[in-house]
Amino acid sequence: KGRFSISRDNAKNMVYLQMNSLKP
């Protein structure tokens, strides 16, 4: 929470996961 963001594009049938401040 606060580092990752899920989103979707229904026109393209795509779902994304933006991952920031990654840790080992």
PDBML (XML) file of the C-alpha atoms, coordinates in Angstrom:
<?xml version="1.0" encoding="UTF-8" ?>
<PDBx:datablock datablockName="MODEL"
   xmlns:PDBx="http://pdbml.pdb.org/schema/pdbx-v50.xsd"
   xmlns:xsi="http://www.w3.org/2001/XMLSchema-instance"
   xsi:schemaLocation="http://pdbml.pdb.org/schema/pdbx-v50.xsd pdbx-v50.xsd">
   <PDBx:atom_siteCategory>
      <PDBx:atom_site id="1">
         <PDBx:B_iso_or_equiv>0.00</PDBx:B_iso_or_equiv>
         <PDBx:Cartn_x>0.000</PDBx:Cartn_x>
         <PDBx:Cartn_y>0.000</PDBx:Cartn_y>
         <PDBx:Cartn_z>0.000</PDBx:Cartn_z>
         <PDBx:auth_asym_id>A</PDBx:auth_asym_id>
         <PDBx:auth_atom_id>CA</PDBx:auth_atom_id>
         <PDBx:auth_comp_id>LYS</PDBx:auth_comp_id>
         <PDBx:auth_seq_id>1</PDBx:auth_seq_id>
         <PDBx:group_PDB>ATOM</PDBx:group_PDB>
         <PDBx:label_alt_id xsi:nil="true" />
         <PDBx:label_asym_id>A</PDBx:label_asym_id>
         <PDBx:label_atom_id>CA</PDBx:label_atom_id>
         <PDBx:label_comp_id>LYS</PDBx:label_comp_id>
         <PDBx:label_entity_id>1</PDBx:label_entity_id>
         <PDBx:label_seq_id>1</PDBx:label_seq_id>
         <PDBx:occupancy>1.00</PDBx:occupancy>
         <PDBx:pdbx_PDB_model_num>1</PDBx:pdbx_PDB_model_num>
         <PDBx:type_symbol>C</PDBx:type_symbol>
      </PDBx:atom_site>
      <PDBx:atom_site id="2">
         <PDBx:B_iso_or_equiv>0.00</PDBx:B_iso_or_equiv>
         <PDBx:Cartn_x>1.312</PDBx:Cartn_x>
         <PDBx:Cartn_y>3.399</PDBx:Cartn_y>
         <PDBx:Cartn_z>-1.011</PDBx:Cartn_z>
         <PDBx:auth_asym_id>A</PDBx:auth_asym_id>
         <PDBx:auth_atom_id>CA</PDBx:auth_atom_id>
         <PDBx:auth_comp_id>GLY</PDBx:auth_comp_id>
         <PDBx:auth_seq_id>2</PDBx:auth_seq_id>
         <PDBx:group_PDB>ATOM</PDBx:group_PDB>
         <PDBx:label_alt_id xsi:nil="true" />
         <PDBx:label_asym_id>A</PDBx:label_asym_id>
         <PDBx:label_atom_id>CA</PDBx:label_atom_id>
         <PDBx:label_comp_id>GLY</PDBx:label_comp_id>
         <PDBx:label_entity_id>1</PDBx:label_entity_id>
         <PDBx:label_seq_id>2</PDBx:label_seq_id>
         <PDBx:occupancy>1.00</PDBx:occupancy>
         <PDBx:pdbx_PDB_model_num>1</PDBx:pdbx_PDB_model_num>
         <PDBx:type_symbol>C</PDBx:type_symbol>
      </PDBx:atom_site>
      <PDBx:atom_site id="3">
         <PDBx:B_iso_or_equiv>0.00</PDBx:B_iso_or_equiv>
         <PDBx:Cartn_x>3.994</PDBx:Cartn_x>
         <PDBx:Cartn_y>1.896</PDBx:Cartn_y>
         <PDBx:Cartn_z>-3.273</PDBx:Cartn_z>
         <PDBx:auth_asym_id>A</PDBx:auth_asym_id>
         <PDBx:auth_atom_id>CA</PDBx:auth_atom_id>
         <PDBx:auth_comp_id>ARG</PDBx:auth_comp_id>
         <PDBx:auth_seq_id>3</PDBx:auth_seq_id>
         <PDBx:group_PDB>ATOM</PDBx:group_PDB>
         <PDBx:label_alt_id xsi:nil="true" />
         <PDBx:label_asym_id>A</PDBx:label_asym_id>
         <PDBx:label_atom_id>CA</PDBx:label_atom_id>
         <PDBx:label_comp_id>ARG</PDBx:label_comp_id>
         <PDBx:label_entity_id>1</PDBx:label_entity_id>
         <PDBx:label_seq_id>3</PDBx:label_seq_id>
         <PDBx:occupancy>1.00</PDBx:occupancy>
         <PDBx:pdbx_PDB_model_num>1</PDBx:pdbx_PDB_model_num>
         <PDBx:type_symbol>C</PDBx:type_symbol>
      </PDBx:atom_site>
      <PDBx:atom_site id="4">
         <PDBx:B_iso_or_equiv>0.00</PDBx:B_iso_or_equiv>
         <PDBx:Cartn_x>2.056</PDBx:Cartn_x>
         <PDBx:Cartn_y>-0.138</PDBx:Cartn_y>
         <PDBx:Cartn_z>-5.842</PDBx:Cartn_z>
         <PDBx:auth_asym_id>A</PDBx:auth_asym_id>
         <PDBx:auth_atom_id>CA</PDBx:auth_atom_id>
         <PDBx:auth_comp_id>PHE</PDBx:auth_comp_id>
         <PDBx:auth_seq_id>4</PDBx:auth_seq_id>
         <PDBx:group_PDB>ATOM</PDBx:group_PDB>
         <PDBx:label_alt_id xsi:nil="true" />
         <PDBx:label_asym_id>A</PDBx:label_asym_id>
         <PDBx:label_atom_id>CA</PDBx:label_atom_id>
         <PDBx:label_comp_id>PHE</PDBx:label_comp_id>
         <PDBx:label_entity_id>1</PDBx:label_entity_id>
         <PDBx:label_seq_id>4</PDBx:label_seq_id>
         <PDBx:occupancy>1.00</PDBx:occupancy>
         <PDBx:pdbx_PDB_model_num>1</PDBx:pdbx_PDB_model_num>
         <PDBx:type_symbol>C</PDBx:type_symbol>
      </PDBx:atom_site>
      <PDBx:atom_site id="5">
         <PDBx:B_iso_or_equiv>0.00</PDBx:B_iso_or_equiv>
         <PDBx:Cartn_x>-0.835</PDBx:Cartn_x>
         <PDBx:Cartn_y>0.974</PDBx:Cartn_y>
         <PDBx:Cartn_z>-8.041</PDBx:Cartn_z>
         <PDBx:auth_asym_id>A</PDBx:auth_asym_id>
         <PDBx:auth_atom_id>CA</PDBx:auth_atom_id>
         <PDBx:auth_comp_id>SER</PDBx:auth_comp_id>
         <PDBx:auth_seq_id>5</PDBx:auth_seq_id>
         <PDBx:group_PDB>ATOM</PDBx:group_PDB>
         <PDBx:label_alt_id xsi:nil="true" />
         <PDBx:label_asym_id>A</PDBx:label_asym_id>
         <PDBx:label_atom_id>CA</PDBx:label_atom_id>
         <PDBx:label_comp_id>SER</PDBx:label_comp_id>
         <PDBx:label_entity_id>1</PDBx:label_entity_id>
         <PDBx:label_seq_id>5</PDBx:label_seq_id>
         <PDBx:occupancy>1.00</PDBx:occupancy>
         <PDBx:pdbx_PDB_model_num>1</PDBx:pdbx_PDB_model_num>
         <PDBx:type_symbol>C</PDBx:type_symbol>
      </PDBx:atom_site>
      <PDBx:atom_site id="6">
         <PDBx:B_iso_or_equiv>0.00</PDBx:B_iso_or_equiv>
         <PDBx:Cartn_x>-3.196</PDBx:Cartn_x>
         <PDBx:Cartn_y>-1.237</PDBx:Cartn_y>
         <PDBx:Cartn_z>-10.038</PDBx:Cartn_z>
         <PDBx:auth_asym_id>A</PDBx:auth_asym_id>
         <PDBx:auth_atom_id>CA</PDBx:auth_atom_id>
         <PDBx:auth_comp_id>ILE</PDBx:auth_comp_id>
         <PDBx:auth_seq_id>6</PDBx:auth_seq_id>
         <PDBx:group_PDB>ATOM</PDBx:group_PDB>
         <PDBx:label_alt_id xsi:nil="true" />
         <PDBx:label_asym_id>A</PDBx:label_asym_id>
         <PDBx:label_atom_id>CA</PDBx:label_atom_id>
         <PDBx:label_comp_id>ILE</PDBx:label_comp_id>
         <PDBx:label_entity_id>1</PDBx:label_entity_id>
         <PDBx:label_seq_id>6</PDBx:label_seq_id>
         <PDBx:occupancy>1.00</PDBx:occupancy>
         <PDBx:pdbx_PDB_model_num>1</PDBx:pdbx_PDB_model_num>
         <PDBx:type_symbol>C</PDBx:type_symbol>
      </PDBx:atom_site>
      <PDBx:atom_site id="7">
         <PDBx:B_iso_or_equiv>0.00</PDBx:B_iso_or_equiv>
         <PDBx:Cartn_x>-5.019</PDBx:Cartn_x>
         <PDBx:Cartn_y>0.116</PDBx:Cartn_y>
         <PDBx:Cartn_z>-13.082</PDBx:Cartn_z>
         <PDBx:auth_asym_id>A</PDBx:auth_asym_id>
         <PDBx:auth_atom_id>CA</PDBx:auth_atom_id>
         <PDBx:auth_comp_id>SER</PDBx:auth_comp_id>
         <PDBx:auth_seq_id>7</PDBx:auth_seq_id>
         <PDBx:group_PDB>ATOM</PDBx:group_PDB>
         <PDBx:label_alt_id xsi:nil="true" />
         <PDBx:label_asym_id>A</PDBx:label_asym_id>
         <PDBx:label_atom_id>CA</PDBx:label_atom_id>
         <PDBx:label_comp_id>SER</PDBx:label_comp_id>
         <PDBx:label_entity_id>1</PDBx:label_entity_id>
         <PDBx:label_seq_id>7</PDBx:label_seq_id>
         <PDBx:occupancy>1.00</PDBx:occupancy>
         <PDBx:pdbx_PDB_model_num>1</PDBx:pdbx_PDB_model_num>
         <PDBx:type_symbol>C</PDBx:type_symbol>
      </PDBx:atom_site>
      <PDBx:atom_site id="8">
         <PDBx:B_iso_or_equiv>0.00</PDBx:B_iso_or_equiv>
         <PDBx:Cartn_x>-6.901</PDBx:Cartn_x>
         <PDBx:Cartn_y>-1.153</PDBx:Cartn_y>
         <PDBx:Cartn_z>-16.108</PDBx:Cartn_z>
         <PDBx:auth_asym_id>A</PDBx:auth_asym_id>
         <PDBx:auth_atom_id>CA</PDBx:auth_atom_id>
         <PDBx:auth_comp_id>ARG</PDBx:auth_comp_id>
         <PDBx:auth_seq_id>8</PDBx:auth_seq_id>
         <PDBx:group_PDB>ATOM</PDBx:group_PDB>
         <PDBx:label_alt_id xsi:nil="true" />
         <PDBx:label_asym_id>A</PDBx:label_asym_id>
         <PDBx:label_atom_id>CA</PDBx:label_atom_id>
         <PDBx:label_comp_id>ARG</PDBx:label_comp_id>
         <PDBx:label_entity_id>1</PDBx:label_entity_id>
         <PDBx:label_seq_id>8</PDBx:label_seq_id>
         <PDBx:occupancy>1.00</PDBx:occupancy>
         <PDBx:pdbx_PDB_model_num>1</PDBx:pdbx_PDB_model_num>
         <PDBx:type_symbol>C</PDBx:type_symbol>
      </PDBx:atom_site>
      <PDBx:atom_site id="9">
         <PDBx:B_iso_or_equiv>0.00</PDBx:B_iso_or_equiv>
         <PDBx:Cartn_x>-7.686</PDBx:Cartn_x>
         <PDBx:Cartn_y>-0.193</PDBx:Cartn_y>
         <PDBx:Cartn_z>-19.685</PDBx:Cartn_z>
         <PDBx:auth_asym_id>A</PDBx:auth_asym_id>
         <PDBx:auth_atom_id>CA</PDBx:auth_atom_id>
         <PDBx:auth_comp_id>ASP</PDBx:auth_comp_id>
         <PDBx:auth_seq_id>9</PDBx:auth_seq_id>
         <PDBx:group_PDB>ATOM</PDBx:group_PDB>
         <PDBx:label_alt_id xsi:nil="true" />
         <PDBx:label_asym_id>A</PDBx:label_asym_id>
         <PDBx:label_atom_id>CA</PDBx:label_atom_id>
         <PDBx:label_comp_id>ASP</PDBx:label_comp_id>
         <PDBx:label_entity_id>1</PDBx:label_entity_id>
         <PDBx:label_seq_id>9</PDBx:label_seq_id>
         <PDBx:occupancy>1.00</PDBx:occupancy>
         <PDBx:pdbx_PDB_model_num>1</PDBx:pdbx_PDB_model_num>
         <PDBx:type_symbol>C</PDBx:type_symbol>
      </PDBx:atom_site>
      <PDBx:atom_site id="10">
         <PDBx:B_iso_or_equiv>0.00</PDBx:B_iso_or_equiv>
         <PDBx:Cartn_x>-10.977</PDBx:Cartn_x>
         <PDBx:Cartn_y>-1.809</PDBx:Cartn_y>
         <PDBx:Cartn_z>-20.641</PDBx:Cartn_z>
         <PDBx:auth_asym_id>A</PDBx:auth_asym_id>
         <PDBx:auth_atom_id>CA</PDBx:auth_atom_id>
         <PDBx:auth_comp_id>ASN</PDBx:auth_comp_id>
         <PDBx:auth_seq_id>10</PDBx:auth_seq_id>
         <PDBx:group_PDB>ATOM</PDBx:group_PDB>
         <PDBx:label_alt_id xsi:nil="true" />
         <PDBx:label_asym_id>A</PDBx:label_asym_id>
         <PDBx:label_atom_id>CA</PDBx:label_atom_id>
         <PDBx:label_comp_id>ASN</PDBx:label_comp_id>
         <PDBx:label_entity_id>1</PDBx:label_entity_id>
         <PDBx:label_seq_id>10</PDBx:label_seq_id>
         <PDBx:occupancy>1.00</PDBx:occupancy>
         <PDBx:pdbx_PDB_model_num>1</PDBx:pdbx_PDB_model_num>
         <PDBx:type_symbol>C</PDBx:type_symbol>
      </PDBx:atom_site>
      <PDBx:atom_site id="11">
         <PDBx:B_iso_or_equiv>0.00</PDBx:B_iso_or_equiv>
         <PDBx:Cartn_x>-10.609</PDBx:Cartn_x>
         <PDBx:Cartn_y>-0.734</PDBx:Cartn_y>
         <PDBx:Cartn_z>-24.274</PDBx:Cartn_z>
         <PDBx:auth_asym_id>A</PDBx:auth_asym_id>
         <PDBx:auth_atom_id>CA</PDBx:auth_atom_id>
         <PDBx:auth_comp_id>ALA</PDBx:auth_comp_id>
         <PDBx:auth_seq_id>11</PDBx:auth_seq_id>
         <PDBx:group_PDB>ATOM</PDBx:group_PDB>
         <PDBx:label_alt_id xsi:nil="true" />
         <PDBx:label_asym_id>A</PDBx:label_asym_id>
         <PDBx:label_atom_id>CA</PDBx:label_atom_id>
         <PDBx:label_comp_id>ALA</PDBx:label_comp_id>
         <PDBx:label_entity_id>1</PDBx:label_entity_id>
         <PDBx:label_seq_id>11</PDBx:label_seq_id>
         <PDBx:occupancy>1.00</PDBx:occupancy>
         <PDBx:pdbx_PDB_model_num>1</PDBx:pdbx_PDB_model_num>
         <PDBx:type_symbol>C</PDBx:type_symbol>
      </PDBx:atom_site>
      <PDBx:atom_site id="12">
         <PDBx:B_iso_or_equiv>0.00</PDBx:B_iso_or_equiv>
         <PDBx:Cartn_x>-7.382</PDBx:Cartn_x>
         <PDBx:Cartn_y>-2.722</PDBx:Cartn_y>
         <PDBx:Cartn_z>-24.557</PDBx:Cartn_z>
         <PDBx:auth_asym_id>A</PDBx:auth_asym_id>
         <PDBx:auth_atom_id>CA</PDBx:auth_atom_id>
         <PDBx:auth_comp_id>LYS</PDBx:auth_comp_id>
         <PDBx:auth_seq_id>12</PDBx:auth_seq_id>
         <PDBx:group_PDB>ATOM</PDBx:group_PDB>
         <PDBx:label_alt_id xsi:nil="true" />
         <PDBx:label_asym_id>A</PDBx:label_asym_id>
         <PDBx:label_atom_id>CA</PDBx:label_atom_id>
         <PDBx:label_comp_id>LYS</PDBx:label_comp_id>
         <PDBx:label_entity_id>1</PDBx:label_entity_id>
         <PDBx:label_seq_id>12</PDBx:label_seq_id>
         <PDBx:occupancy>1.00</PDBx:occupancy>
         <PDBx:pdbx_PDB_model_num>1</PDBx:pdbx_PDB_model_num>
         <PDBx:type_symbol>C</PDBx:type_symbol>
      </PDBx:atom_site>
      <PDBx:atom_site id="13">
         <PDBx:B_iso_or_equiv>0.00</PDBx:B_iso_or_equiv>
         <PDBx:Cartn_x>-8.260</PDBx:Cartn_x>
         <PDBx:Cartn_y>-5.587</PDBx:Cartn_y>
         <PDBx:Cartn_z>-22.188</PDBx:Cartn_z>
         <PDBx:auth_asym_id>A</PDBx:auth_asym_id>
         <PDBx:auth_atom_id>CA</PDBx:auth_atom_id>
         <PDBx:auth_comp_id>ASN</PDBx:auth_comp_id>
         <PDBx:auth_seq_id>13</PDBx:auth_seq_id>
         <PDBx:group_PDB>ATOM</PDBx:group_PDB>
         <PDBx:label_alt_id xsi:nil="true" />
         <PDBx:label_asym_id>A</PDBx:label_asym_id>
         <PDBx:label_atom_id>CA</PDBx:label_atom_id>
         <PDBx:label_comp_id>ASN</PDBx:label_comp_id>
         <PDBx:label_entity_id>1</PDBx:label_entity_id>
         <PDBx:label_seq_id>13</PDBx:label_seq_id>
         <PDBx:occupancy>1.00</PDBx:occupancy>
         <PDBx:pdbx_PDB_model_num>1</PDBx:pdbx_PDB_model_num>
         <PDBx:type_symbol>C</PDBx:type_symbol>
      </PDBx:atom_site>
      <PDBx:atom_site id="14">
         <PDBx:B_iso_or_equiv>0.00</PDBx:B_iso_or_equiv>
         <PDBx:Cartn_x>-5.186</PDBx:Cartn_x>
         <PDBx:Cartn_y>-4.748</PDBx:Cartn_y>
         <PDBx:Cartn_z>-20.121</PDBx:Cartn_z>
         <PDBx:auth_asym_id>A</PDBx:auth_asym_id>
         <PDBx:auth_atom_id>CA</PDBx:auth_atom_id>
         <PDBx:auth_comp_id>MET</PDBx:auth_comp_id>
         <PDBx:auth_seq_id>14</PDBx:auth_seq_id>
         <PDBx:group_PDB>ATOM</PDBx:group_PDB>
         <PDBx:label_alt_id xsi:nil="true" />
         <PDBx:label_asym_id>A</PDBx:label_asym_id>
         <PDBx:label_atom_id>CA</PDBx:label_atom_id>
         <PDBx:label_comp_id>MET</PDBx:label_comp_id>
         <PDBx:label_entity_id>1</PDBx:label_entity_id>
         <PDBx:label_seq_id>14</PDBx:label_seq_id>
         <PDBx:occupancy>1.00</PDBx:occupancy>
         <PDBx:pdbx_PDB_model_num>1</PDBx:pdbx_PDB_model_num>
         <PDBx:type_symbol>C</PDBx:type_symbol>
      </PDBx:atom_site>
      <PDBx:atom_site id="15">
         <PDBx:B_iso_or_equiv>0.00</PDBx:B_iso_or_equiv>
         <PDBx:Cartn_x>-4.459</PDBx:Cartn_x>
         <PDBx:Cartn_y>-4.550</PDBx:Cartn_y>
         <PDBx:Cartn_z>-16.416</PDBx:Cartn_z>
         <PDBx:auth_asym_id>A</PDBx:auth_asym_id>
         <PDBx:auth_atom_id>CA</PDBx:auth_atom_id>
         <PDBx:auth_comp_id>VAL</PDBx:auth_comp_id>
         <PDBx:auth_seq_id>15</PDBx:auth_seq_id>
         <PDBx:group_PDB>ATOM</PDBx:group_PDB>
         <PDBx:label_alt_id xsi:nil="true" />
         <PDBx:label_asym_id>A</PDBx:label_asym_id>
         <PDBx:label_atom_id>CA</PDBx:label_atom_id>
         <PDBx:label_comp_id>VAL</PDBx:label_comp_id>
         <PDBx:label_entity_id>1</PDBx:label_entity_id>
         <PDBx:label_seq_id>15</PDBx:label_seq_id>
         <PDBx:occupancy>1.00</PDBx:occupancy>
         <PDBx:pdbx_PDB_model_num>1</PDBx:pdbx_PDB_model_num>
         <PDBx:type_symbol>C</PDBx:type_symbol>
      </PDBx:atom_site>
      <PDBx:atom_site id="16">
         <PDBx:B_iso_or_equiv>0.00</PDBx:B_iso_or_equiv>
         <PDBx:Cartn_x>-1.308</PDBx:Cartn_x>
         <PDBx:Cartn_y>-2.963</PDBx:Cartn_y>
         <PDBx:Cartn_z>-15.029</PDBx:Cartn_z>
         <PDBx:auth_asym_id>A</PDBx:auth_asym_id>
         <PDBx:auth_atom_id>CA</PDBx:auth_atom_id>
         <PDBx:auth_comp_id>TYR</PDBx:auth_comp_id>
         <PDBx:auth_seq_id>16</PDBx:auth_seq_id>
         <PDBx:group_PDB>ATOM</PDBx:group_PDB>
         <PDBx:label_alt_id xsi:nil="true" />
         <PDBx:label_asym_id>A</PDBx:label_asym_id>
         <PDBx:label_atom_id>CA</PDBx:label_atom_id>
         <PDBx:label_comp_id>TYR</PDBx:label_comp_id>
         <PDBx:label_entity_id>1</PDBx:label_entity_id>
         <PDBx:label_seq_id>16</PDBx:label_seq_id>
         <PDBx:occupancy>1.00</PDBx:occupancy>
         <PDBx:pdbx_PDB_model_num>1</PDBx:pdbx_PDB_model_num>
         <PDBx:type_symbol>C</PDBx:type_symbol>
      </PDBx:atom_site>
      <PDBx:atom_site id="17">
         <PDBx:B_iso_or_equiv>0.00</PDBx:B_iso_or_equiv>
         <PDBx:Cartn_x>0.684</PDBx:Cartn_x>
         <PDBx:Cartn_y>-2.920</PDBx:Cartn_y>
         <PDBx:Cartn_z>-11.815</PDBx:Cartn_z>
         <PDBx:auth_asym_id>A</PDBx:auth_asym_id>
         <PDBx:auth_atom_id>CA</PDBx:auth_atom_id>
         <PDBx:auth_comp_id>LEU</PDBx:auth_comp_id>
         <PDBx:auth_seq_id>17</PDBx:auth_seq_id>
         <PDBx:group_PDB>ATOM</PDBx:group_PDB>
         <PDBx:label_alt_id xsi:nil="true" />
         <PDBx:label_asym_id>A</PDBx:label_asym_id>
         <PDBx:label_atom_id>CA</PDBx:label_atom_id>
         <PDBx:label_comp_id>LEU</PDBx:label_comp_id>
         <PDBx:label_entity_id>1</PDBx:label_entity_id>
         <PDBx:label_seq_id>17</PDBx:label_seq_id>
         <PDBx:occupancy>1.00</PDBx:occupancy>
         <PDBx:pdbx_PDB_model_num>1</PDBx:pdbx_PDB_model_num>
         <PDBx:type_symbol>C</PDBx:type_symbol>
      </PDBx:atom_site>
      <PDBx:atom_site id="18">
         <PDBx:B_iso_or_equiv>0.00</PDBx:B_iso_or_equiv>
         <PDBx:Cartn_x>2.913</PDBx:Cartn_x>
         <PDBx:Cartn_y>0.096</PDBx:Cartn_y>
         <PDBx:Cartn_z>-11.267</PDBx:Cartn_z>
         <PDBx:auth_asym_id>A</PDBx:auth_asym_id>
         <PDBx:auth_atom_id>CA</PDBx:auth_atom_id>
         <PDBx:auth_comp_id>GLN</PDBx:auth_comp_id>
         <PDBx:auth_seq_id>18</PDBx:auth_seq_id>
         <PDBx:group_PDB>ATOM</PDBx:group_PDB>
         <PDBx:label_alt_id xsi:nil="true" />
         <PDBx:label_asym_id>A</PDBx:label_asym_id>
         <PDBx:label_atom_id>CA</PDBx:label_atom_id>
         <PDBx:label_comp_id>GLN</PDBx:label_comp_id>
         <PDBx:label_entity_id>1</PDBx:label_entity_id>
         <PDBx:label_seq_id>18</PDBx:label_seq_id>
         <PDBx:occupancy>1.00</PDBx:occupancy>
         <PDBx:pdbx_PDB_model_num>1</PDBx:pdbx_PDB_model_num>
         <PDBx:type_symbol>C</PDBx:type_symbol>
      </PDBx:atom_site>
      <PDBx:atom_site id="19">
         <PDBx:B_iso_or_equiv>0.00</PDBx:B_iso_or_equiv>
         <PDBx:Cartn_x>5.489</PDBx:Cartn_x>
         <PDBx:Cartn_y>-0.764</PDBx:Cartn_y>
         <PDBx:Cartn_z>-8.623</PDBx:Cartn_z>
         <PDBx:auth_asym_id>A</PDBx:auth_asym_id>
         <PDBx:auth_atom_id>CA</PDBx:auth_atom_id>
         <PDBx:auth_comp_id>MET</PDBx:auth_comp_id>
         <PDBx:auth_seq_id>19</PDBx:auth_seq_id>
         <PDBx:group_PDB>ATOM</PDBx:group_PDB>
         <PDBx:label_alt_id xsi:nil="true" />
         <PDBx:label_asym_id>A</PDBx:label_asym_id>
         <PDBx:label_atom_id>CA</PDBx:label_atom_id>
         <PDBx:label_comp_id>MET</PDBx:label_comp_id>
         <PDBx:label_entity_id>1</PDBx:label_entity_id>
         <PDBx:label_seq_id>19</PDBx:label_seq_id>
         <PDBx:occupancy>1.00</PDBx:occupancy>
         <PDBx:pdbx_PDB_model_num>1</PDBx:pdbx_PDB_model_num>
         <PDBx:type_symbol>C</PDBx:type_symbol>
      </PDBx:atom_site>
      <PDBx:atom_site id="20">
         <PDBx:B_iso_or_equiv>0.00</PDBx:B_iso_or_equiv>
         <PDBx:Cartn_x>7.523</PDBx:Cartn_x>
         <PDBx:Cartn_y>2.014</PDBx:Cartn_y>
         <PDBx:Cartn_z>-7.023</PDBx:Cartn_z>
         <PDBx:auth_asym_id>A</PDBx:auth_asym_id>
         <PDBx:auth_atom_id>CA</PDBx:auth_atom_id>
         <PDBx:auth_comp_id>ASN</PDBx:auth_comp_id>
         <PDBx:auth_seq_id>20</PDBx:auth_seq_id>
         <PDBx:group_PDB>ATOM</PDBx:group_PDB>
         <PDBx:label_alt_id xsi:nil="true" />
         <PDBx:label_asym_id>A</PDBx:label_asym_id>
         <PDBx:label_atom_id>CA</PDBx:label_atom_id>
         <PDBx:label_comp_id>ASN</PDBx:label_comp_id>
         <PDBx:label_entity_id>1</PDBx:label_entity_id>
         <PDBx:label_seq_id>20</PDBx:label_seq_id>
         <PDBx:occupancy>1.00</PDBx:occupancy>
         <PDBx:pdbx_PDB_model_num>1</PDBx:pdbx_PDB_model_num>
         <PDBx:type_symbol>C</PDBx:type_symbol>
      </PDBx:atom_site>
      <PDBx:atom_site id="21">
         <PDBx:B_iso_or_equiv>0.00</PDBx:B_iso_or_equiv>
         <PDBx:Cartn_x>10.037</PDBx:Cartn_x>
         <PDBx:Cartn_y>2.096</PDBx:Cartn_y>
         <PDBx:Cartn_z>-4.188</PDBx:Cartn_z>
         <PDBx:auth_asym_id>A</PDBx:auth_asym_id>
         <PDBx:auth_atom_id>CA</PDBx:auth_atom_id>
         <PDBx:auth_comp_id>SER</PDBx:auth_comp_id>
         <PDBx:auth_seq_id>21</PDBx:auth_seq_id>
         <PDBx:group_PDB>ATOM</PDBx:group_PDB>
         <PDBx:label_alt_id xsi:nil="true" />
         <PDBx:label_asym_id>A</PDBx:label_asym_id>
         <PDBx:label_atom_id>CA</PDBx:label_atom_id>
         <PDBx:label_comp_id>SER</PDBx:label_comp_id>
         <PDBx:label_entity_id>1</PDBx:label_entity_id>
         <PDBx:label_seq_id>21</PDBx:label_seq_id>
         <PDBx:occupancy>1.00</PDBx:occupancy>
         <PDBx:pdbx_PDB_model_num>1</PDBx:pdbx_PDB_model_num>
         <PDBx:type_symbol>C</PDBx:type_symbol>
      </PDBx:atom_site>
      <PDBx:atom_site id="22">
         <PDBx:B_iso_or_equiv>0.00</PDBx:B_iso_or_equiv>
         <PDBx:Cartn_x>10.764</PDBx:Cartn_x>
         <PDBx:Cartn_y>-1.569</PDBx:Cartn_y>
         <PDBx:Cartn_z>-4.711</PDBx:Cartn_z>
         <PDBx:auth_asym_id>A</PDBx:auth_asym_id>
         <PDBx:auth_atom_id>CA</PDBx:auth_atom_id>
         <PDBx:auth_comp_id>LEU</PDBx:auth_comp_id>
         <PDBx:auth_seq_id>22</PDBx:auth_seq_id>
         <PDBx:group_PDB>ATOM</PDBx:group_PDB>
         <PDBx:label_alt_id xsi:nil="true" />
         <PDBx:label_asym_id>A</PDBx:label_asym_id>
         <PDBx:label_atom_id>CA</PDBx:label_atom_id>
         <PDBx:label_comp_id>LEU</PDBx:label_comp_id>
         <PDBx:label_entity_id>1</PDBx:label_entity_id>
         <PDBx:label_seq_id>22</PDBx:label_seq_id>
         <PDBx:occupancy>1.00</PDBx:occupancy>
         <PDBx:pdbx_PDB_model_num>1</PDBx:pdbx_PDB_model_num>
         <PDBx:type_symbol>C</PDBx:type_symbol>
      </PDBx:atom_site>
      <PDBx:atom_site id="23">
         <PDBx:B_iso_or_equiv>0.00</PDBx:B_iso_or_equiv>
         <PDBx:Cartn_x>12.368</PDBx:Cartn_x>
         <PDBx:Cartn_y>-3.565</PDBx:Cartn_y>
         <PDBx:Cartn_z>-1.912</PDBx:Cartn_z>
         <PDBx:auth_asym_id>A</PDBx:auth_asym_id>
         <PDBx:auth_atom_id>CA</PDBx:auth_atom_id>
         <PDBx:auth_comp_id>LYS</PDBx:auth_comp_id>
         <PDBx:auth_seq_id>23</PDBx:auth_seq_id>
         <PDBx:group_PDB>ATOM</PDBx:group_PDB>
         <PDBx:label_alt_id xsi:nil="true" />
         <PDBx:label_asym_id>A</PDBx:label_asym_id>
         <PDBx:label_atom_id>CA</PDBx:label_atom_id>
         <PDBx:label_comp_id>LYS</PDBx:label_comp_id>
         <PDBx:label_entity_id>1</PDBx:label_entity_id>
         <PDBx:label_seq_id>23</PDBx:label_seq_id>
         <PDBx:occupancy>1.00</PDBx:occupancy>
         <PDBx:pdbx_PDB_model_num>1</PDBx:pdbx_PDB_model_num>
         <PDBx:type_symbol>C</PDBx:type_symbol>
      </PDBx:atom_site>
      <PDBx:atom_site id="24">
         <PDBx:B_iso_or_equiv>0.00</PDBx:B_iso_or_equiv>
         <PDBx:Cartn_x>14.325</PDBx:Cartn_x>
         <PDBx:Cartn_y>-6.842</PDBx:Cartn_y>
         <PDBx:Cartn_z>-1.996</PDBx:Cartn_z>
         <PDBx:auth_asym_id>A</PDBx:auth_asym_id>
         <PDBx:auth_atom_id>CA</PDBx:auth_atom_id>
         <PDBx:auth_comp_id>PRO</PDBx:auth_comp_id>
         <PDBx:auth_seq_id>24</PDBx:auth_seq_id>
         <PDBx:group_PDB>ATOM</PDBx:group_PDB>
         <PDBx:label_alt_id xsi:nil="true" />
         <PDBx:label_asym_id>A</PDBx:label_asym_id>
         <PDBx:label_atom_id>CA</PDBx:label_atom_id>
         <PDBx:label_comp_id>PRO</PDBx:label_comp_id>
         <PDBx:label_entity_id>1</PDBx:label_entity_id>
         <PDBx:label_seq_id>24</PDBx:label_seq_id>
         <PDBx:occupancy>1.00</PDBx:occupancy>
         <PDBx:pdbx_PDB_model_num>1</PDBx:pdbx_PDB_model_num>
         <PDBx:type_symbol>C</PDBx:type_symbol>
      </PDBx:atom_site>
   </PDBx:atom_siteCategory>
</PDBx:datablock>
